[in-house]
Amino acid sequence: MPREPFEAAEVEGANRWQIFRHITFPLLQPIIIVGFLLRLTDSFKIFDQIFIMTGGGPGASTELATIFAYKVNFVSWNLGYGSAVVAVLFLISFILTFVLLKLMTRFTRGAVA
């Protein structure tokens, strides 16, 4: 991060909270959003660990949407409904990614200007 905004804020008499709120956090927002986006996509991809450890059980207590899609598609062979479940999962991940990228570009434009 550039040192000049912090030095200018100290010269103007800003305290540590004001420096964090108005300088540090806005400069870190794009990085935070990218990190959140990567963790979000990882959460949609987690299947093997939970399936191997619990199989989605006991009952349905650890059943994720991906495990549900697997069971609908490959256990009960309901391929029409299963493909609809997978399509909805794709739409959810696409919309969340789109919103986060829009937030990132908005914050990035605000930081550059």
PDB file of N, CA and C in Angstrom:
ATOM      1  N   MET A   1       0.847  -1.174   0.000  1.00  0.00           N
ATOM      2  CA  MET A   1       0.000   0.000   0.000  1.00  0.00           C
ATOM      3  C   MET A   1       0.890   1.235   0.000  1.00  0.00           C
ATOM      4  N   PRO A   2       0.450   2.275  -0.659  1.00  0.00           N
ATOM      5  CA  PRO A   2       1.272   3.485  -0.713  1.00  0.00           C
ATOM      6  C   PRO A   2       1.371   4.151   0.657  1.00  0.00           C
ATOM      7  N   ARG A   3       2.497   4.685   0.945  1.00  0.00           N
ATOM      8  CA  ARG A   3       2.752   5.282   2.249  1.00  0.00           C
ATOM      9  C   ARG A   3       2.230   6.722   2.353  1.00  0.00           C
ATOM     10  N   GLU A   4       2.104   7.424   1.224  1.00  0.00           N
ATOM     11  CA  GLU A   4       1.740   8.841   1.232  1.00  0.00           C
ATOM     12  C   GLU A   4       0.389   9.149   1.874  1.00  0.00           C
ATOM     13  N   PRO A   5      -0.684   8.374   1.603  1.00  0.00           N
ATOM     14  CA  PRO A   5      -1.958   8.693   2.258  1.00  0.00           C
ATOM     15  C   PRO A   5      -1.896   8.577   3.780  1.00  0.00           C
ATOM     16  N   PHE A   6      -1.120   7.625   4.264  1.00  0.00           N
ATOM     17  CA  PHE A   6      -1.000   7.460   5.715  1.00  0.00           C
ATOM     18  C   PHE A   6      -0.243   8.633   6.335  1.00  0.00           C
ATOM     19  N   GLU A   7       0.814   9.054   5.664  1.00  0.00           N
ATOM     20  CA  GLU A   7       1.578  10.199   6.161  1.00  0.00           C
ATOM     21  C   GLU A   7       0.726  11.461   6.127  1.00  0.00           C
ATOM     22  N   ALA A   8      -0.050  11.650   5.070  1.00  0.00           N
ATOM     23  CA  ALA A   8      -0.915  12.825   4.972  1.00  0.00           C
ATOM     24  C   ALA A   8      -1.979  12.810   6.065  1.00  0.00           C
ATOM     25  N   ALA A   9      -2.528  11.646   6.359  1.00  0.00           N
ATOM     26  CA  ALA A   9      -3.542  11.554   7.417  1.00  0.00           C
ATOM     27  C   ALA A   9      -2.934  11.855   8.777  1.00  0.00           C
ATOM     28  N   GLU A  10      -1.707  11.398   9.025  1.00  0.00           N
ATOM     29  CA  GLU A  10      -1.048  11.705  10.296  1.00  0.00           C
ATOM     30  C   GLU A  10      -0.772  13.196  10.422  1.00  0.00           C
ATOM     31  N   VAL A  11      -0.380  13.829   9.321  1.00  0.00           N
ATOM     32  CA  VAL A  11      -0.128  15.276   9.351  1.00  0.00           C
ATOM     33  C   VAL A  11      -1.420  16.029   9.628  1.00  0.00           C
ATOM     34  N   GLU A  12      -2.532  15.549   9.072  1.00  0.00           N
ATOM     35  CA  GLU A  12      -3.821  16.207   9.281  1.00  0.00           C
ATOM     36  C   GLU A  12      -4.399  15.940  10.670  1.00  0.00           C
ATOM     37  N   GLY A  13      -3.811  15.008  11.411  1.00  0.00           N
ATOM     38  CA  GLY A  13      -4.250  14.764  12.780  1.00  0.00           C
ATOM     39  C   GLY A  13      -5.270  13.650  12.930  1.00  0.00           C
ATOM     40  N   ALA A  14      -5.348  12.744  11.981  1.00  0.00           N
ATOM     41  CA  ALA A  14      -6.296  11.634  12.081  1.00  0.00           C
ATOM     42  C   ALA A  14      -5.789  10.605  13.088  1.00  0.00           C
ATOM     43  N   ASN A  15      -6.736  10.030  13.834  1.00  0.00           N
ATOM     44  CA  ASN A  15      -6.340   8.982  14.771  1.00  0.00           C
ATOM     45  C   ASN A  15      -6.286   7.637  14.051  1.00  0.00           C
ATOM     46  N   ARG A  16      -5.911   6.585  14.779  1.00  0.00           N
ATOM     47  CA  ARG A  16      -5.694   5.273  14.153  1.00  0.00           C
ATOM     48  C   ARG A  16      -6.990   4.705  13.561  1.00  0.00           C
ATOM     49  N   TRP A  17      -8.110   4.896  14.242  1.00  0.00           N
ATOM     50  CA  TRP A  17      -9.379   4.399  13.732  1.00  0.00           C
ATOM     51  C   TRP A  17      -9.758   5.114  12.437  1.00  0.00           C
ATOM     52  N   GLN A  18      -9.586   6.418  12.367  1.00  0.00           N
ATOM     53  CA  GLN A  18      -9.908   7.164  11.149  1.00  0.00           C
ATOM     54  C   GLN A  18      -9.001   6.763   9.992  1.00  0.00           C
ATOM     55  N   ILE A  19      -7.734   6.510  10.281  1.00  0.00           N
ATOM     56  CA  ILE A  19      -6.812   6.069   9.237  1.00  0.00           C
ATOM     57  C   ILE A  19      -7.243   4.698   8.704  1.00  0.00           C
ATOM     58  N   PHE A  20      -7.608   3.804   9.620  1.00  0.00           N
ATOM     59  CA  PHE A  20      -8.053   2.479   9.175  1.00  0.00           C
ATOM     60  C   PHE A  20      -9.336   2.585   8.372  1.00  0.00           C
ATOM     61  N   ARG A  21     -10.298   3.354   8.867  1.00  0.00           N
ATOM     62  CA  ARG A  21     -11.619   3.434   8.248  1.00  0.00           C
ATOM     63  C   ARG A  21     -11.594   4.120   6.886  1.00  0.00           C
ATOM     64  N   HIS A  22     -10.804   5.163   6.753  1.00  0.00           N
ATOM     65  CA  HIS A  22     -10.846   5.966   5.535  1.00  0.00           C
ATOM     66  C   HIS A  22      -9.707   5.686   4.554  1.00  0.00           C
ATOM     67  N   ILE A  23      -8.653   5.002   4.997  1.00  0.00           N
ATOM     68  CA  ILE A  23      -7.525   4.756   4.094  1.00  0.00           C
ATOM     69  C   ILE A  23      -7.241   3.261   3.945  1.00  0.00           C
ATOM     70  N   THR A  24      -6.976   2.592   5.060  1.00  0.00           N
ATOM     71  CA  THR A  24      -6.558   1.192   4.984  1.00  0.00           C
ATOM     72  C   THR A  24      -7.664   0.292   4.440  1.00  0.00           C
ATOM     73  N   PHE A  25      -8.849   0.377   5.021  1.00  0.00           N
ATOM     74  CA  PHE A  25      -9.935  -0.516   4.601  1.00  0.00           C
ATOM     75  C   PHE A  25     -10.346  -0.286   3.146  1.00  0.00           C
ATOM     76  N   PRO A  26     -10.511   0.955   2.670  1.00  0.00           N
ATOM     77  CA  PRO A  26     -10.829   1.119   1.243  1.00  0.00           C
ATOM     78  C   PRO A  26      -9.742   0.594   0.306  1.00  0.00           C
ATOM     79  N   LEU A  27      -8.485   0.682   0.711  1.00  0.00           N
ATOM     80  CA  LEU A  27      -7.425   0.140  -0.136  1.00  0.00           C
ATOM     81  C   LEU A  27      -7.414  -1.390  -0.127  1.00  0.00           C
ATOM     82  N   LEU A  28      -7.890  -1.993   0.954  1.00  0.00           N
ATOM     83  CA  LEU A  28      -7.903  -3.455   1.060  1.00  0.00           C
ATOM     84  C   LEU A  28      -9.189  -4.095   0.542  1.00  0.00           C
ATOM     85  N   GLN A  29     -10.224  -3.311   0.270  1.00  0.00           N
ATOM     86  CA  GLN A  29     -11.509  -3.879  -0.139  1.00  0.00           C
ATOM     87  C   GLN A  29     -11.429  -4.762  -1.384  1.00  0.00           C
ATOM     88  N   PRO A  30     -10.738  -4.386  -2.452  1.00  0.00           N
ATOM     89  CA  PRO A  30     -10.664  -5.313  -3.594  1.00  0.00           C
ATOM     90  C   PRO A  30      -9.995  -6.638  -3.243  1.00  0.00           C
ATOM     91  N   ILE A  31      -8.985  -6.612  -2.410  1.00  0.00           N
ATOM     92  CA  ILE A  31      -8.301  -7.844  -2.019  1.00  0.00           C
ATOM     93  C   ILE A  31      -9.211  -8.706  -1.152  1.00  0.00           C
ATOM     94  N   ILE A  32      -9.953  -8.077  -0.260  1.00  0.00           N
ATOM     95  CA  ILE A  32     -10.897  -8.800   0.586  1.00  0.00           C
ATOM     96  C   ILE A  32     -11.981  -9.450  -0.265  1.00  0.00           C
ATOM     97  N   ILE A  33     -12.482  -8.738  -1.274  1.00  0.00           N
ATOM     98  CA  ILE A  33     -13.528  -9.281  -2.137  1.00  0.00           C
ATOM     99  C   ILE A  33     -13.004 -10.454  -2.952  1.00  0.00           C
ATOM    100  N   VAL A  34     -11.792 -10.354  -3.467  1.00  0.00           N
ATOM    101  CA  VAL A  34     -11.216 -11.466  -4.228  1.00  0.00           C
ATOM    102  C   VAL A  34     -11.027 -12.688  -3.324  1.00  0.00           C
ATOM    103  N   GLY A  35     -10.547 -12.478  -2.111  1.00  0.00           N
ATOM    104  CA  GLY A  35     -10.399 -13.585  -1.168  1.00  0.00           C
ATOM    105  C   GLY A  35     -11.735 -14.227  -0.843  1.00  0.00           C
ATOM    106  N   PHE A  36     -12.758 -13.401  -0.642  1.00  0.00           N
ATOM    107  CA  PHE A  36     -14.090 -13.927  -0.368  1.00  0.00           C
ATOM    108  C   PHE A  36     -14.626 -14.692  -1.568  1.00  0.00           C
ATOM    109  N   LEU A  37     -14.365 -14.192  -2.769  1.00  0.00           N
ATOM    110  CA  LEU A  37     -14.817 -14.863  -3.980  1.00  0.00           C
ATOM    111  C   LEU A  37     -14.150 -16.224  -4.142  1.00  0.00           C
ATOM    112  N   LEU A  38     -12.864 -16.302  -3.861  1.00  0.00           N
ATOM    113  CA  LEU A  38     -12.169 -17.589  -3.947  1.00  0.00           C
ATOM    114  C   LEU A  38     -12.699 -18.580  -2.917  1.00  0.00           C
ATOM    115  N   ARG A  39     -12.952 -18.124  -1.706  1.00  0.00           N
ATOM    116  CA  ARG A  39     -13.500 -19.017  -0.679  1.00  0.00           C
ATOM    117  C   ARG A  39     -14.925 -19.446  -1.029  1.00  0.00           C
ATOM    118  N   LEU A  40     -15.685 -18.557  -1.667  1.00  0.00           N
ATOM    119  CA  LEU A  40     -17.047 -18.895  -2.072  1.00  0.00           C
ATOM    120  C   LEU A  40     -17.034 -19.992  -3.124  1.00  0.00           C
ATOM    121  N   THR A  41     -16.160 -19.875  -4.106  1.00  0.00           N
ATOM    122  CA  THR A  41     -16.087 -20.925  -5.121  1.00  0.00           C
ATOM    123  C   THR A  41     -15.569 -22.224  -4.521  1.00  0.00           C
ATOM    124  N   ASP A  42     -14.671 -22.146  -3.555  1.00  0.00           N
ATOM    125  CA  ASP A  42     -14.221 -23.363  -2.873  1.00  0.00           C
ATOM    126  C   ASP A  42     -15.361 -24.038  -2.119  1.00  0.00           C
ATOM    127  N   SER A  43     -16.252 -23.241  -1.541  1.00  0.00           N
ATOM    128  CA  SER A  43     -17.363 -23.839  -0.800  1.00  0.00           C
ATOM    129  C   SER A  43     -18.330 -24.571  -1.723  1.00  0.00           C
ATOM    130  N   PHE A  44     -18.449 -24.129  -2.974  1.00  0.00           N
ATOM    131  CA  PHE A  44     -19.288 -24.860  -3.917  1.00  0.00           C
ATOM    132  C   PHE A  44     -18.603 -26.125  -4.413  1.00  0.00           C
ATOM    133  N   LYS A  45     -17.292 -26.169  -4.352  1.00  0.00           N
ATOM    134  CA  LYS A  45     -16.558 -27.327  -4.854  1.00  0.00           C
ATOM    135  C   LYS A  45     -16.332 -28.397  -3.796  1.00  0.00           C
ATOM    136  N   ILE A  46     -16.582 -28.109  -2.528  1.00  0.00           N
ATOM    137  CA  ILE A  46     -16.304 -29.097  -1.492  1.00  0.00           C
ATOM    138  C   ILE A  46     -17.363 -30.201  -1.578  1.00  0.00           C
ATOM    139  N   PHE A  47     -16.933 -31.341  -1.890  1.00  0.00           N
ATOM    140  CA  PHE A  47     -17.816 -32.496  -1.996  1.00  0.00           C
ATOM    141  C   PHE A  47     -17.148 -33.720  -1.405  1.00  0.00           C
ATOM    142  N   ASP A  48     -15.920 -33.959  -1.822  1.00  0.00           N
ATOM    143  CA  ASP A  48     -15.252 -35.213  -1.495  1.00  0.00           C
ATOM    144  C   ASP A  48     -15.004 -35.382  -0.003  1.00  0.00           C
ATOM    145  N   GLN A  49     -14.581 -34.338   0.683  1.00  0.00           N
ATOM    146  CA  GLN A  49     -14.268 -34.479   2.107  1.00  0.00           C
ATOM    147  C   GLN A  49     -15.508 -34.845   2.917  1.00  0.00           C
ATOM    148  N   ILE A  50     -16.589 -34.131   2.689  1.00  0.00           N
ATOM    149  CA  ILE A  50     -17.807 -34.398   3.456  1.00  0.00           C
ATOM    150  C   ILE A  50     -18.417 -35.725   3.040  1.00  0.00           C
ATOM    151  N   PHE A  51     -18.381 -36.031   1.745  1.00  0.00           N
ATOM    152  CA  PHE A  51     -18.967 -37.288   1.292  1.00  0.00           C
ATOM    153  C   PHE A  51     -18.204 -38.486   1.824  1.00  0.00           C
ATOM    154  N   ILE A  52     -16.879 -38.395   1.871  1.00  0.00           N
ATOM    155  CA  ILE A  52     -16.078 -39.510   2.385  1.00  0.00           C
ATOM    156  C   ILE A  52     -16.261 -39.660   3.895  1.00  0.00           C
ATOM    157  N   MET A  53     -16.282 -38.542   4.609  1.00  0.00           N
ATOM    158  CA  MET A  53     -16.367 -38.625   6.073  1.00  0.00           C
ATOM    159  C   MET A  53     -17.757 -39.009   6.562  1.00  0.00           C
ATOM    160  N   THR A  54     -18.812 -38.401   5.983  1.00  0.00           N
ATOM    161  CA  THR A  54     -20.142 -38.617   6.544  1.00  0.00           C
ATOM    162  C   THR A  54     -21.147 -39.175   5.551  1.00  0.00           C
ATOM    163  N   GLY A  55     -20.888 -39.015   4.266  1.00  0.00           N
ATOM    164  CA  GLY A  55     -21.858 -39.460   3.266  1.00  0.00           C
ATOM    165  C   GLY A  55     -23.106 -38.603   3.235  1.00  0.00           C
ATOM    166  N   GLY A  56     -23.047 -37.429   3.827  1.00  0.00           N
ATOM    167  CA  GLY A  56     -24.211 -36.553   3.887  1.00  0.00           C
ATOM    168  C   GLY A  56     -25.068 -36.799   5.110  1.00  0.00           C
ATOM    169  N   GLY A  57     -24.632 -37.610   6.003  1.00  0.00           N
ATOM    170  CA  GLY A  57     -25.458 -37.975   7.157  1.00  0.00           C
ATOM    171  C   GLY A  57     -24.816 -37.572   8.451  1.00  0.00           C
ATOM    172  N   PRO A  58     -25.319 -37.891   9.568  1.00  0.00           N
ATOM    173  CA  PRO A  58     -26.513 -38.695   9.819  1.00  0.00           C
ATOM    174  C   PRO A  58     -27.783 -37.946   9.410  1.00  0.00           C
ATOM    175  N   GLY A  59     -28.662 -38.672   8.790  1.00  0.00           N
ATOM    176  CA  GLY A  59     -29.857 -38.051   8.213  1.00  0.00           C
ATOM    177  C   GLY A  59     -29.423 -37.196   7.039  1.00  0.00           C
ATOM    178  N   ALA A  60     -29.726 -35.921   7.127  1.00  0.00           N
ATOM    179  CA  ALA A  60     -29.279 -34.974   6.100  1.00  0.00           C
ATOM    180  C   ALA A  60     -28.572 -33.797   6.760  1.00  0.00           C
ATOM    181  N   SER A  61     -27.978 -34.025   7.925  1.00  0.00           N
ATOM    182  CA  SER A  61     -27.412 -32.920   8.700  1.00  0.00           C
ATOM    183  C   SER A  61     -26.181 -32.303   8.051  1.00  0.00           C
ATOM    184  N   THR A  62     -25.390 -33.072   7.315  1.00  0.00           N
ATOM    185  CA  THR A  62     -24.216 -32.510   6.649  1.00  0.00           C
ATOM    186  C   THR A  62     -24.347 -32.581   5.134  1.00  0.00           C
ATOM    187  N   GLU A  63     -25.569 -32.669   4.652  1.00  0.00           N
ATOM    188  CA  GLU A  63     -25.783 -32.780   3.214  1.00  0.00           C
ATOM    189  C   GLU A  63     -25.751 -31.392   2.580  1.00  0.00           C
ATOM    190  N   LEU A  64     -24.756 -31.158   1.761  1.00  0.00           N
ATOM    191  CA  LEU A  64     -24.643 -29.913   1.020  1.00  0.00           C
ATOM    192  C   LEU A  64     -25.446 -30.013  -0.268  1.00  0.00           C
ATOM    193  N   ALA A  65     -25.533 -28.897  -0.975  1.00  0.00           N
ATOM    194  CA  ALA A  65     -26.260 -28.903  -2.242  1.00  0.00           C
ATOM    195  C   ALA A  65     -25.569 -29.795  -3.264  1.00  0.00           C
ATOM    196  N   THR A  66     -24.242 -29.852  -3.219  1.00  0.00           N
ATOM    197  CA  THR A  66     -23.527 -30.706  -4.166  1.00  0.00           C
ATOM    198  C   THR A  66     -23.766 -32.184  -3.869  1.00  0.00           C
ATOM    199  N   ILE A  67     -23.835 -32.550  -2.607  1.00  0.00           N
ATOM    200  CA  ILE A  67     -24.129 -33.939  -2.242  1.00  0.00           C
ATOM    201  C   ILE A  67     -25.572 -34.288  -2.612  1.00  0.00           C
ATOM    202  N   PHE A  68     -26.470 -33.328  -2.420  1.00  0.00           N
ATOM    203  CA  PHE A  68     -27.858 -33.538  -2.829  1.00  0.00           C
ATOM    204  C   PHE A  68     -27.948 -33.764  -4.342  1.00  0.00           C
ATOM    205  N   ALA A  69     -27.219 -32.954  -5.114  1.00  0.00           N
ATOM    206  CA  ALA A  69     -27.218 -33.116  -6.572  1.00  0.00           C
ATOM    207  C   ALA A  69     -26.646 -34.474  -6.960  1.00  0.00           C
ATOM    208  N   TYR A  70     -25.591 -34.910  -6.275  1.00  0.00           N
ATOM    209  CA  TYR A  70     -25.013 -36.228  -6.542  1.00  0.00           C
ATOM    210  C   TYR A  70     -26.041 -37.330  -6.271  1.00  0.00           C
ATOM    211  N   LYS A  71     -26.717 -37.246  -5.138  1.00  0.00           N
ATOM    212  CA  LYS A  71     -27.688 -38.286  -4.788  1.00  0.00           C
ATOM    213  C   LYS A  71     -28.858 -38.319  -5.767  1.00  0.00           C
ATOM    214  N   VAL A  72     -29.318 -37.132  -6.189  1.00  0.00           N
ATOM    215  CA  VAL A  72     -30.436 -37.099  -7.138  1.00  0.00           C
ATOM    216  C   VAL A  72     -30.004 -37.655  -8.489  1.00  0.00           C
ATOM    217  N   ASN A  73     -28.813 -37.285  -8.936  1.00  0.00           N
ATOM    218  CA  ASN A  73     -28.351 -37.711 -10.258  1.00  0.00           C
ATOM    219  C   ASN A  73     -27.921 -39.171 -10.296  1.00  0.00           C
ATOM    220  N   PHE A  74     -27.099 -39.596  -9.344  1.00  0.00           N
ATOM    221  CA  PHE A  74     -26.426 -40.881  -9.485  1.00  0.00           C
ATOM    222  C   PHE A  74     -26.918 -41.971  -8.542  1.00  0.00           C
ATOM    223  N   VAL A  75     -27.661 -41.621  -7.521  1.00  0.00           N
ATOM    224  CA  VAL A  75     -28.207 -42.656  -6.637  1.00  0.00           C
ATOM    225  C   VAL A  75     -29.633 -42.992  -7.058  1.00  0.00           C
ATOM    226  N   SER A  76     -30.463 -41.956  -7.227  1.00  0.00           N
ATOM    227  CA  SER A  76     -31.844 -42.228  -7.625  1.00  0.00           C
ATOM    228  C   SER A  76     -32.061 -42.118  -9.135  1.00  0.00           C
ATOM    229  N   TRP A  77     -31.050 -41.754  -9.898  1.00  0.00           N
ATOM    230  CA  TRP A  77     -31.077 -41.657 -11.360  1.00  0.00           C
ATOM    231  C   TRP A  77     -32.223 -40.798 -11.874  1.00  0.00           C
ATOM    232  N   ASN A  78     -32.509 -39.725 -11.173  1.00  0.00           N
ATOM    233  CA  ASN A  78     -33.500 -38.754 -11.622  1.00  0.00           C
ATOM    234  C   ASN A  78     -32.739 -37.636 -12.326  1.00  0.00           C
ATOM    235  N   LEU A  79     -32.352 -37.867 -13.561  1.00  0.00           N
ATOM    236  CA  LEU A  79     -31.418 -36.990 -14.252  1.00  0.00           C
ATOM    237  C   LEU A  79     -32.023 -35.640 -14.632  1.00  0.00           C
ATOM    238  N   GLY A  80     -33.297 -35.582 -14.892  1.00  0.00           N
ATOM    239  CA  GLY A  80     -33.934 -34.306 -15.226  1.00  0.00           C
ATOM    240  C   GLY A  80     -33.924 -33.364 -14.039  1.00  0.00           C
ATOM    241  N   TYR A  81     -34.389 -33.864 -12.896  1.00  0.00           N
ATOM    242  CA  TYR A  81     -34.398 -33.055 -11.679  1.00  0.00           C
ATOM    243  C   TYR A  81     -32.972 -32.749 -11.220  1.00  0.00           C
ATOM    244  N   GLY A  82     -32.085 -33.710 -11.369  1.00  0.00           N
ATOM    245  CA  GLY A  82     -30.698 -33.511 -10.969  1.00  0.00           C
ATOM    246  C   GLY A  82     -30.004 -32.453 -11.804  1.00  0.00           C
ATOM    247  N   SER A  83     -30.271 -32.435 -13.099  1.00  0.00           N
ATOM    248  CA  SER A  83     -29.668 -31.397 -13.930  1.00  0.00           C
ATOM    249  C   SER A  83     -30.244 -30.028 -13.601  1.00  0.00           C
ATOM    250  N   ALA A  84     -31.504 -29.965 -13.202  1.00  0.00           N
ATOM    251  CA  ALA A  84     -32.085 -28.695 -12.768  1.00  0.00           C
ATOM    252  C   ALA A  84     -31.428 -28.213 -11.474  1.00  0.00           C
ATOM    253  N   VAL A  85     -31.144 -29.126 -10.572  1.00  0.00           N
ATOM    254  CA  VAL A  85     -30.455 -28.765  -9.326  1.00  0.00           C
ATOM    255  C   VAL A  85     -29.074 -28.207  -9.629  1.00  0.00           C
ATOM    256  N   VAL A  86     -28.356 -28.857 -10.516  1.00  0.00           N
ATOM    257  CA  VAL A  86     -27.013 -28.401 -10.877  1.00  0.00           C
ATOM    258  C   VAL A  86     -27.081 -27.051 -11.585  1.00  0.00           C
ATOM    259  N   ALA A  87     -28.100 -26.845 -12.434  1.00  0.00           N
ATOM    260  CA  ALA A  87     -28.253 -25.558 -13.116  1.00  0.00           C
ATOM    261  C   ALA A  87     -28.532 -24.446 -12.118  1.00  0.00           C
ATOM    262  N   VAL A  88     -29.342 -24.718 -11.103  1.00  0.00           N
ATOM    263  CA  VAL A  88     -29.617 -23.702 -10.075  1.00  0.00           C
ATOM    264  C   VAL A  88     -28.354 -23.400  -9.278  1.00  0.00           C
ATOM    265  N   LEU A  89     -27.564 -24.419  -8.965  1.00  0.00           N
ATOM    266  CA  LEU A  89     -26.292 -24.185  -8.279  1.00  0.00           C
ATOM    267  C   LEU A  89     -25.364 -23.308  -9.126  1.00  0.00           C
ATOM    268  N   PHE A  90     -25.336 -23.578 -10.420  1.00  0.00           N
ATOM    269  CA  PHE A  90     -24.524 -22.748 -11.313  1.00  0.00           C
ATOM    270  C   PHE A  90     -25.025 -21.307 -11.322  1.00  0.00           C
ATOM    271  N   LEU A  91     -26.331 -21.115 -11.410  1.00  0.00           N
ATOM    272  CA  LEU A  91     -26.880 -19.757 -11.419  1.00  0.00           C
ATOM    273  C   LEU A  91     -26.581 -19.015 -10.120  1.00  0.00           C
ATOM    274  N   ILE A  92     -26.681 -19.700  -9.002  1.00  0.00           N
ATOM    275  CA  ILE A  92     -26.383 -19.067  -7.717  1.00  0.00           C
ATOM    276  C   ILE A  92     -24.921 -18.638  -7.668  1.00  0.00           C
ATOM    277  N   SER A  93     -24.025 -19.521  -8.068  1.00  0.00           N
ATOM    278  CA  SER A  93     -22.607 -19.167  -8.035  1.00  0.00           C
ATOM    279  C   SER A  93     -22.294 -18.069  -9.044  1.00  0.00           C
ATOM    280  N   PHE A  94     -22.939 -18.080 -10.200  1.00  0.00           N
ATOM    281  CA  PHE A  94     -22.719 -17.041 -11.205  1.00  0.00           C
ATOM    282  C   PHE A  94     -23.200 -15.687 -10.713  1.00  0.00           C
ATOM    283  N   ILE A  95     -24.379 -15.641 -10.112  1.00  0.00           N
ATOM    284  CA  ILE A  95     -24.922 -14.373  -9.620  1.00  0.00           C
ATOM    285  C   ILE A  95     -24.059 -13.825  -8.485  1.00  0.00           C
ATOM    286  N   LEU A  96     -23.652 -14.680  -7.555  1.00  0.00           N
ATOM    287  CA  LEU A  96     -22.800 -14.208  -6.462  1.00  0.00           C
ATOM    288  C   LEU A  96     -21.452 -13.706  -6.982  1.00  0.00           C
ATOM    289  N   THR A  97     -20.881 -14.403  -7.947  1.00  0.00           N
ATOM    290  CA  THR A  97     -19.622 -13.959  -8.531  1.00  0.00           C
ATOM    291  C   THR A  97     -19.795 -12.633  -9.253  1.00  0.00           C
ATOM    292  N   PHE A  98     -20.872 -12.484  -9.994  1.00  0.00           N
ATOM    293  CA  PHE A  98     -21.140 -11.237 -10.715  1.00  0.00           C
ATOM    294  C   PHE A  98     -21.288 -10.061  -9.754  1.00  0.00           C
ATOM    295  N   VAL A  99     -22.037 -10.265  -8.673  1.00  0.00           N
ATOM    296  CA  VAL A  99     -22.238  -9.192  -7.689  1.00  0.00           C
ATOM    297  C   VAL A  99     -20.914  -8.817  -7.035  1.00  0.00           C
ATOM    298  N   LEU A 100     -20.119  -9.802  -6.661  1.00  0.00           N
ATOM    299  CA  LEU A 100     -18.831  -9.502  -6.030  1.00  0.00           C
ATOM    300  C   LEU A 100     -17.869  -8.803  -6.986  1.00  0.00           C
ATOM    301  N   LEU A 101     -17.869  -9.187  -8.249  1.00  0.00           N
ATOM    302  CA  LEU A 101     -17.012  -8.506  -9.215  1.00  0.00           C
ATOM    303  C   LEU A 101     -17.479  -7.075  -9.456  1.00  0.00           C
ATOM    304  N   LYS A 102     -18.781  -6.836  -9.466  1.00  0.00           N
ATOM    305  CA  LYS A 102     -19.292  -5.465  -9.589  1.00  0.00           C
ATOM    306  C   LYS A 102     -18.885  -4.627  -8.380  1.00  0.00           C
ATOM    307  N   LEU A 103     -18.968  -5.214  -7.188  1.00  0.00           N
ATOM    308  CA  LEU A 103     -18.519  -4.498  -5.991  1.00  0.00           C
ATOM    309  C   LEU A 103     -17.033  -4.176  -6.070  1.00  0.00           C
ATOM    310  N   MET A 104     -16.259  -5.126  -6.546  1.00  0.00           N
ATOM    311  CA  MET A 104     -14.822  -4.911  -6.633  1.00  0.00           C
ATOM    312  C   MET A 104     -14.489  -3.797  -7.626  1.00  0.00           C
ATOM    313  N   THR A 105     -15.152  -3.786  -8.778  1.00  0.00           N
ATOM    314  CA  THR A 105     -14.868  -2.725  -9.744  1.00  0.00           C
ATOM    315  C   THR A 105     -15.341  -1.374  -9.233  1.00  0.00           C
ATOM    316  N   ARG A 106     -16.434  -1.349  -8.475  1.00  0.00           N
ATOM    317  CA  ARG A 106     -16.912  -0.081  -7.911  1.00  0.00           C
ATOM    318  C   ARG A 106     -15.915   0.451  -6.886  1.00  0.00           C
ATOM    319  N   PHE A 107     -15.413  -0.427  -6.014  1.00  0.00           N
ATOM    320  CA  PHE A 107     -14.455   0.008  -5.018  1.00  0.00           C
ATOM    321  C   PHE A 107     -13.118   0.371  -5.638  1.00  0.00           C
ATOM    322  N   THR A 108     -12.742  -0.354  -6.700  1.00  0.00           N
ATOM    323  CA  THR A 108     -11.477  -0.059  -7.363  1.00  0.00           C
ATOM    324  C   THR A 108     -11.537   1.279  -8.074  1.00  0.00           C
ATOM    325  N   ARG A 109     -12.645   1.570  -8.731  1.00  0.00           N
ATOM    326  CA  ARG A 109     -12.804   2.868  -9.393  1.00  0.00           C
ATOM    327  C   ARG A 109     -12.793   3.995  -8.380  1.00  0.00           C
ATOM    328  N   GLY A 110     -13.412   3.761  -7.212  1.00  0.00           N
ATOM    329  CA  GLY A 110     -13.442   4.789  -6.183  1.00  0.00           C
ATOM    330  C   GLY A 110     -12.061   5.054  -5.605  1.00  0.00           C
ATOM    331  N   ALA A 111     -11.210   4.029  -5.518  1.00  0.00           N
ATOM    332  CA  ALA A 111      -9.877   4.180  -4.955  1.00  0.00           C
ATOM    333  C   ALA A 111      -8.939   4.881  -5.933  1.00  0.00           C
ATOM    334  N   VAL A 112      -9.166   4.669  -7.237  1.00  0.00           N
ATOM    335  CA  VAL A 112      -8.284   5.260  -8.234  1.00  0.00           C
ATOM    336  C   VAL A 112      -8.605   6.728  -8.424  1.00  0.00           C
ATOM    337  N   ALA A 113      -9.879   7.078  -8.387  1.00  0.00           N
ATOM    338  CA  ALA A 113     -10.294   8.450  -8.662  1.00  0.00           C
ATOM    339  C   ALA A 113      -9.864   9.418  -7.595  1.00  0.00           C
TER     340      ALA A 113
END
